[in-house]
C-alpha atoms as a PDB file:
ATOM      1  CA  MET A   1      82.645  86.766 107.478  1.00  0.00           C
ATOM      2  CA  GLU A   2      86.291  87.805 107.981  1.00  0.00           C
ATOM      3  CA  TYR A   3      87.713  90.521 105.754  1.00  0.00           C
ATOM      4  CA  SER A   4      91.097  90.060 104.174  1.00  0.00           C
ATOM      5  CA  PHE A   5      91.887  92.966 102.170  1.00  0.00           C
ATOM      6  CA  HIS A   6      95.007  92.527 100.138  1.00  0.00           C
ATOM      7  CA  ASP A   7      96.876  93.963  97.148  1.00  0.00           C
ATOM      8  CA  THR A   8      96.615  92.298  93.820  1.00  0.00           C
ATOM      9  CA  LYS A   9      98.990  92.510  90.767  1.00  0.00           C
ATOM     10  CA  PRO A  10      97.891  93.186  87.225  1.00  0.00           C
ATOM     11  CA  GLY A  11      96.600  90.307  85.411  1.00  0.00           C
ATOM     12  CA  LYS A  12      94.044  87.374  86.155  1.00  0.00           C
ATOM     13  CA  LEU A  13      92.258  87.694  89.612  1.00  0.00           C
ATOM     14  CA  SER A  14      91.461  84.361  91.225  1.00  0.00           C
ATOM     15  CA  LYS A  15      90.376  85.281  94.531  1.00  0.00           C
ATOM     16  CA  CYS A  16      87.883  87.707  96.227  1.00  0.00           C
ATOM     17  CA  GLN A  17      89.628  91.021  96.722  1.00  0.00           C
ATOM     18  CA  ILE A  18      88.192  91.428 100.295  1.00  0.00           C
ATOM     19  CA  THR A  19      87.925  88.084 101.758  1.00  0.00           C
ATOM     20  CA  ASN A  20      90.371  85.967  99.625  1.00  0.00           C
ATOM     21  CA  ALA A  21      88.011  83.276  99.152  1.00  0.00           C
ATOM     22  CA  ASP A  22      88.577  81.114  96.263  1.00  0.00           C
ATOM     23  CA  ASP A  23      85.001  80.985  95.084  1.00  0.00           C
ATOM     24  CA  LEU A  24      84.575  83.645  92.101  1.00  0.00           C
ATOM     25  CA  PHE A  25      82.015  82.741  89.595  1.00  0.00           C
ATOM     26  CA  GLU A  26      81.574  84.562  86.163  1.00  0.00           C
ATOM     27  CA  VAL A  27      78.266  86.256  85.786  1.00  0.00           C
ATOM     28  CA  ILE A  28      78.915  88.558  82.732  1.00  0.00           C
ATOM     29  CA  ASN A  29      81.482  88.346  79.926  1.00  0.00           C
ATOM     30  CA  LEU A  30      81.729  91.575  77.735  1.00  0.00           C
ATOM     31  CA  GLY A  31      84.675  90.162  75.776  1.00  0.00           C
ATOM     32  CA  HIS A  32      87.894  92.302  75.596  1.00  0.00           C
ATOM     33  CA  GLN A  33      87.490  96.103  75.953  1.00  0.00           C
ATOM     34  CA  PRO A  34      89.721  99.338  75.795  1.00  0.00           C
ATOM     35  CA  PRO A  35      89.946 101.279  79.179  1.00  0.00           C
ATOM     36  CA  CYS A  36      86.893 103.312  79.207  1.00  0.00           C
ATOM     37  CA  ASP A  37      88.515 106.769  79.507  1.00  0.00           C
ATOM     38  CA  ALA A  38      91.252 106.102  76.936  1.00  0.00           C
ATOM     39  CA  LEU A  39      89.761 108.542  74.536  1.00  0.00           C
ATOM     40  CA  LEU A  40      91.178 108.577  70.917  1.00  0.00           C
ATOM     41  CA  ASN A  41      92.503 111.631  69.267  1.00  0.00           C
ATOM     42  CA  SER A  42      93.844 112.555  65.854  1.00  0.00           C
ATOM     43  CA  GLU A  43      97.157 110.959  66.490  1.00  0.00           C
ATOM     44  CA  THR A  44      95.809 107.577  67.737  1.00  0.00           C
ATOM     45  CA  ILE A  45      92.514 107.057  65.923  1.00  0.00           C
ATOM     46  CA  ASN A  46      94.171 104.734  63.357  1.00  0.00           C
ATOM     47  CA  GLN A  47      96.304 102.967  65.984  1.00  0.00           C
ATOM     48  CA  PRO A  48      95.450  99.549  67.540  1.00  0.00           C
ATOM     49  CA  GLU A  49      93.852  99.942  70.951  1.00  0.00           C
ATOM     50  CA  VAL A  50      95.078  97.832  73.759  1.00  0.00           C
ATOM     51  CA  CYS A  51      92.234  95.761  75.093  1.00  0.00           C
ATOM     52  CA  TYR A  52      91.587  93.921  78.467  1.00  0.00           C
ATOM     53  CA  PRO A  53      89.179  91.110  79.482  1.00  0.00           C
ATOM     54  CA  LEU A  54      85.991  92.675  80.892  1.00  0.00           C
ATOM     55  CA  ARG A  55      84.384  89.926  82.925  1.00  0.00           C
ATOM     56  CA  LEU A  56      82.111  90.332  85.981  1.00  0.00           C
ATOM     57  CA  ASN A  57      82.548  87.888  88.790  1.00  0.00           C
ATOM     58  CA  ILE A  58      80.755  87.339  92.253  1.00  0.00           C
ATOM     59  CA  SER A  59      81.968  85.817  95.346  1.00  0.00           C
ATOM     60  CA  PRO A  60      79.249  84.135  97.226  1.00  0.00           C
ATOM     61  CA  THR A  61      81.319  84.314 100.429  1.00  0.00           C
ATOM     62  CA  SER A  62      81.252  88.249 100.303  1.00  0.00           C
ATOM     63  CA  GLY A  63      78.444  89.066  97.812  1.00  0.00           C
ATOM     64  CA  LEU A  64      81.186  91.443  96.146  1.00  0.00           C
ATOM     65  CA  ALA A  65      80.893  91.930  92.289  1.00  0.00           C
ATOM     66  CA  GLN A  66      84.237  92.452  90.892  1.00  0.00           C
ATOM     67  CA  LEU A  67      86.234  92.290  87.697  1.00  0.00           C
ATOM     68  CA  ASP A  68      88.409  89.047  87.209  1.00  0.00           C
ATOM     69  CA  TYR A  69      91.249  90.930  85.516  1.00  0.00           C
ATOM     70  CA  VAL A  70      93.253  93.528  87.105  1.00  0.00           C
ATOM     71  CA  VAL A  71      94.527  96.371  84.630  1.00  0.00           C
ATOM     72  CA  ASP A  72      97.748  98.461  86.083  1.00  0.00           C
ATOM     73  CA  GLY A  73      96.440 101.698  87.849  1.00  0.00           C
ATOM     74  CA  GLU A  74      98.630 103.894  85.965  1.00  0.00           C
ATOM     75  CA  LEU A  75      96.925 102.653  82.544  1.00  0.00           C
ATOM     76  CA  ILE A  76      93.368 103.327  84.032  1.00  0.00           C
ATOM     77  CA  TYR A  77      94.340 106.570  85.619  1.00  0.00           C
ATOM     78  CA  PRO A  78      97.162 108.270  83.278  1.00  0.00           C
ATOM     79  CA  LYS A  79      98.525 111.703  83.983  1.00  0.00           C
ATOM     80  CA  ASN A  80      96.170 113.049  81.124  1.00  0.00           C
ATOM     81  CA  TYR A  81      93.169 111.420  82.565  1.00  0.00           C
ATOM     82  CA  PRO A  82      90.169 113.130  80.906  1.00  0.00           C
ATOM     83  CA  TYR A  83      87.312 112.991  83.331  1.00  0.00           C
ATOM     84  CA  ARG A  84      86.417 115.918  85.345  1.00  0.00           C
ATOM     85  CA  SER A  85      83.930 115.775  88.210  1.00  0.00           C
ATOM     86  CA  GLY A  86      82.957 119.731  88.190  1.00  0.00           C
ATOM     87  CA  ILE A  87      81.545 119.631  84.586  1.00  0.00           C
ATOM     88  CA  SER A  88      78.490 117.742  85.834  1.00  0.00           C
ATOM     89  CA  VAL A  89      75.905 120.192  87.314  1.00  0.00           C
ATOM     90  CA  PRO A  90      73.968 117.266  89.075  1.00  0.00           C
ATOM     91  CA  LEU A  91      77.306 115.715  90.481  1.00  0.00           C
ATOM     92  CA  VAL A  92      78.441 119.086  91.826  1.00  0.00           C
ATOM     93  CA  ALA A  93      74.901 119.507  93.551  1.00  0.00           C
ATOM     94  CA  TYR A  94      75.132 116.056  94.722  1.00  0.00           C
ATOM     95  CA  GLN A  95      78.592 116.250  96.307  1.00  0.00           C
ATOM     96  CA  GLN A  96      77.873 119.526  97.932  1.00  0.00           C
ATOM     97  CA  SER A  97      74.763 118.076  99.562  1.00  0.00           C
ATOM     98  CA  PHE A  98      76.918 114.922 100.406  1.00  0.00           C
ATOM     99  CA  SER A  99      79.548 117.034 102.329  1.00  0.00           C
ATOM    100  CA  ASP A 100      76.890 119.029 103.982  1.00  0.00           C
ATOM    101  CA  SER A 101      74.933 115.884 105.289  1.00  0.00           C
ATOM    102  CA  ILE A 102      78.253 114.320 106.650  1.00  0.00           C
ATOM    103  CA  LEU A 103      79.043 117.472 108.678  1.00  0.00           C
ATOM    104  CA  LYS A 104      75.426 117.662 109.916  1.00  0.00           C
ATOM    105  CA  ASP A 105      75.519 114.205 111.259  1.00  0.00           C
ATOM    106  CA  TYR A 106      79.023 114.316 112.616  1.00  0.00           C
ATOM    107  CA  PHE A 107      79.872 117.442 114.738  1.00  0.00           C
ATOM    108  CA  TYR A 108      83.600 117.866 114.061  1.00  0.00           C
ATOM    109  CA  PRO A 109      84.795 121.507 114.870  1.00  0.00           C
ATOM    110  CA  LYS A 110      85.918 123.671 112.108  1.00  0.00           C
ATOM    111  CA  ASP A 111      89.463 123.297 110.895  1.00  0.00           C
ATOM    112  CA  SER A 112      89.221 119.640 111.296  1.00  0.00           C
ATOM    113  CA  ILE A 113      91.135 117.854 108.476  1.00  0.00           C
ATOM    114  CA  VAL A 114      89.236 116.091 105.627  1.00  0.00           C
ATOM    115  CA  VAL A 115      90.872 113.972 102.991  1.00  0.00           C
ATOM    116  CA  ASP A 116      89.171 112.760  99.770  1.00  0.00           C
ATOM    117  CA  ILE A 117      91.094 109.957  98.046  1.00  0.00           C
ATOM    118  CA  GLY A 118      90.783 110.037  94.288  1.00  0.00           C
ATOM    119  CA  SER A 119      89.554 113.797  94.543  1.00  0.00           C
ATOM    120  CA  ASN A 120      89.783 114.387  90.781  1.00  0.00           C
ATOM    121  CA  ASP A 121      89.330 118.274  90.618  1.00  0.00           C
ATOM    122  CA  GLY A 122      88.414 118.739  94.190  1.00  0.00           C
ATOM    123  CA  THR A 123      84.649 119.171  93.719  1.00  0.00           C
ATOM    124  CA  LEU A 124      83.677 117.198  96.705  1.00  0.00           C
ATOM    125  CA  LEU A 125      86.174 119.091  99.083  1.00  0.00           C
ATOM    126  CA  THR A 126      84.864 122.355  98.067  1.00  0.00           C
ATOM    127  CA  GLY A 127      81.900 121.652 100.103  1.00  0.00           C
ATOM    128  CA  PHE A 128      83.833 120.849 103.062  1.00  0.00           C
ATOM    129  CA  LYS A 129      86.069 123.987 102.570  1.00  0.00           C
ATOM    130  CA  ARG A 130      83.056 126.100 102.402  1.00  0.00           C
ATOM    131  CA  ASN A 131      82.023 124.836 105.837  1.00  0.00           C
ATOM    132  CA  GLY A 132      85.229 125.865 107.326  1.00  0.00           C
ATOM    133  CA  MET A 133      87.199 122.495 107.147  1.00  0.00           C
ATOM    134  CA  ARG A 134      90.903 121.995 106.214  1.00  0.00           C
ATOM    135  CA  VAL A 135      90.854 119.924 103.105  1.00  0.00           C
ATOM    136  CA  LEU A 136      93.351 117.771 101.180  1.00  0.00           C
ATOM    137  CA  GLY A 137      92.984 115.787  97.967  1.00  0.00           C
ATOM    138  CA  ILE A 138      94.803 112.681  96.847  1.00  0.00           C
ATOM    139  CA  GLU A 139      94.535 112.459  92.957  1.00  0.00           C
ATOM    140  CA  PRO A 140      97.160 110.813  90.823  1.00  0.00           C
ATOM    141  CA  THR A 141      96.256 112.480  87.477  1.00  0.00           C
ATOM    142  CA  ASN A 142      96.677 116.142  86.151  1.00  0.00           C
ATOM    143  CA  MET A 143      93.275 116.757  87.567  1.00  0.00           C
ATOM    144  CA  SER A 144      95.020 117.611  90.771  1.00  0.00           C
ATOM    145  CA  ARG A 145      96.297 120.836  88.933  1.00  0.00           C
ATOM    146  CA  ILE A 146      92.831 121.979  88.296  1.00  0.00           C
ATOM    147  CA  ALA A 147      92.058 121.279  91.869  1.00  0.00           C
ATOM    148  CA  ILE A 148      94.934 123.379  92.953  1.00  0.00           C
ATOM    149  CA  GLU A 149      94.708 126.066  90.335  1.00  0.00           C
ATOM    150  CA  ASP A 150      90.966 126.658  89.799  1.00  0.00           C
ATOM    151  CA  ASN A 151      89.284 125.431  93.016  1.00  0.00           C
ATOM    152  CA  LYS A 152      92.061 126.315  95.436  1.00  0.00           C
ATOM    153  CA  ILE A 153      92.111 122.727  96.838  1.00  0.00           C
ATOM    154  CA  ASP A 154      95.513 121.535  98.320  1.00  0.00           C
ATOM    155  CA  THR A 155      96.145 118.400  96.484  1.00  0.00           C
ATOM    156  CA  ILE A 156      98.846 115.708  96.492  1.00  0.00           C
ATOM    157  CA  GLN A 157      99.355 114.110  92.966  1.00  0.00           C
ATOM    158  CA  GLU A 158     100.063 110.471  94.096  1.00  0.00           C
ATOM    159  CA  PHE A 159      98.273 107.183  94.453  1.00  0.00           C
ATOM    160  CA  PHE A 160      97.416 106.675  98.117  1.00  0.00           C
ATOM    161  CA  THR A 161      99.689 104.605 100.022  1.00  0.00           C
ATOM    162  CA  GLU A 162     100.944 103.975 103.401  1.00  0.00           C
ATOM    163  CA  GLU A 163     103.841 106.401 102.893  1.00  0.00           C
ATOM    164  CA  VAL A 164     101.554 108.993 101.524  1.00  0.00           C
ATOM    165  CA  ALA A 165      99.294 108.531 104.801  1.00  0.00           C
ATOM    166  CA  ARG A 166     102.560 109.181 107.052  1.00  0.00           C
ATOM    167  CA  GLY A 167     103.539 112.169 104.934  1.00  0.00           C
ATOM    168  CA  ILE A 168     100.131 113.658 105.486  1.00  0.00           C
ATOM    169  CA  ILE A 169     100.300 113.101 109.044  1.00  0.00           C
ATOM    170  CA  ASP A 170     103.642 114.885 109.304  1.00  0.00           C
ATOM    171  CA  ASP A 171     102.481 117.770 107.253  1.00  0.00           C
ATOM    172  CA  PHE A 172      98.648 118.213 108.334  1.00  0.00           C
ATOM    173  CA  GLY A 173      98.009 115.980 111.123  1.00  0.00           C
ATOM    174  CA  ARG A 174      95.423 113.137 111.253  1.00  0.00           C
ATOM    175  CA  ALA A 175      92.153 113.277 109.403  1.00  0.00           C
ATOM    176  CA  LYS A 176      88.649 113.379 111.128  1.00  0.00           C
ATOM    177  CA  ILE A 177      87.060 112.451 107.835  1.00  0.00           C
ATOM    178  CA  ILE A 178      88.337 110.416 104.849  1.00  0.00           C
ATOM    179  CA  THR A 179      86.069 110.076 101.909  1.00  0.00           C
ATOM    180  CA  MET A 180      86.240 107.938  98.737  1.00  0.00           C
ATOM    181  CA  THR A 181      83.693 108.272  96.151  1.00  0.00           C
ATOM    182  CA  ASN A 182      83.616 105.990  93.023  1.00  0.00           C
ATOM    183  CA  VAL A 183      87.087 104.948  93.821  1.00  0.00           C
ATOM    184  CA  PHE A 184      87.212 101.742  96.169  1.00  0.00           C
ATOM    185  CA  ALA A 185      85.847  99.428  93.457  1.00  0.00           C
ATOM    186  CA  HIS A 186      88.491 100.697  91.070  1.00  0.00           C
ATOM    187  CA  MET A 187      91.486  99.792  93.281  1.00  0.00           C
ATOM    188  CA  ALA A 188      93.881  96.839  93.089  1.00  0.00           C
ATOM    189  CA  THR A 189      95.854  97.726  96.279  1.00  0.00           C
ATOM    190  CA  LEU A 190      93.014  97.579  98.821  1.00  0.00           C
ATOM    191  CA  GLY A 191      95.458  96.110 101.330  1.00  0.00           C
ATOM    192  CA  GLU A 192      97.704  98.952 100.972  1.00  0.00           C
ATOM    193  CA  VAL A 193      94.859 101.681 101.017  1.00  0.00           C
ATOM    194  CA  MET A 194      93.192 100.154 103.901  1.00  0.00           C
ATOM    195  CA  ARG A 195      96.322 100.218 105.773  1.00  0.00           C
ATOM    196  CA  GLY A 196      96.956 103.609 104.856  1.00  0.00           C
ATOM    197  CA  ILE A 197      93.717 104.844 105.967  1.00  0.00           C
ATOM    198  CA  LYS A 198      94.055 103.131 109.241  1.00  0.00           C
ATOM    199  CA  ILE A 199      97.173 104.954 109.773  1.00  0.00           C
ATOM    200  CA  LEU A 200      95.743 108.328 108.832  1.00  0.00           C
ATOM    201  CA  LEU A 201      92.357 108.381 110.599  1.00  0.00           C
ATOM    202  CA  ASP A 202      91.975 109.990 113.848  1.00  0.00           C
ATOM    203  CA  LYS A 203      90.764 107.929 116.771  1.00  0.00           C
ATOM    204  CA  ASP A 204      87.211 109.568 116.519  1.00  0.00           C
ATOM    205  CA  GLY A 205      87.321 109.934 112.861  1.00  0.00           C
ATOM    206  CA  ILE A 206      85.184 108.435 110.248  1.00  0.00           C
ATOM    207  CA  PHE A 207      85.918 106.659 106.771  1.00  0.00           C
ATOM    208  CA  ILE A 208      83.083 106.906 104.063  1.00  0.00           C
ATOM    209  CA  THR A 209      83.292 105.061 100.769  1.00  0.00           C
ATOM    210  CA  GLU A 210      80.665 105.182  98.128  1.00  0.00           C
ATOM    211  CA  SER A 211      80.373 102.652  95.310  1.00  0.00           C
ATOM    212  CA  GLN A 212      77.676 101.741  92.809  1.00  0.00           C
ATOM    213  CA  TYR A 213      75.202  98.826  93.946  1.00  0.00           C
ATOM    214  CA  LEU A 214      75.187  96.120  91.112  1.00  0.00           C
ATOM    215  CA  LEU A 215      71.450  95.455  91.173  1.00  0.00           C
ATOM    216  CA  ASP A 216      70.735  99.399  90.694  1.00  0.00           C
ATOM    217  CA  VAL A 217      73.400  99.414  87.831  1.00  0.00           C
ATOM    218  CA  LEU A 218      71.550  96.504  86.151  1.00  0.00           C
ATOM    219  CA  GLU A 219      68.090  97.746  86.557  1.00  0.00           C
ATOM    220  CA  LYS A 220      68.814 101.484  85.644  1.00  0.00           C
END
């Protein structure tokens, strides 16, 4: 199977995001739904919500499950995005053990650069920092401020792009470790992101992405 990561524009998705194969078929249709983190408040509770198609498709060629409608990333991850990793005790414990296990399996020297794409409040990076690594988060929402002010994690408030990758190299150097947890599946600009990772990653570096497995989601 040949991968063909590419960028998709907001709207109907007709081809697989990682192979470009024209073989998507629908398996679940949940109608039209609002963005899951678009929480209502006293000012918006009586206003109409903007909803989008929520249909799960699968590509037989790649086996990848993917939604067939792309919503603009700035609508999914607005500046006032409410979700914060650090308020979940089990998630904090898991991400600390996750960072520990990576450093145990890969023997990078202290002060190596670790970049987390979609870093939220910097919870994952605190584990790497505790182990002597230089850390940098990439987070487009205002959670970046919490990462900087509360967790003392250097964070760039931007979506990750090739341009951002080159800027990181200029300011920090190339990364030995790049992580993306629960982010890859939410990106429409996979081509841009993968090109940026290729630019930023050092020759002996590693890229680790973590996403949900569909069968586990359905079973649990």
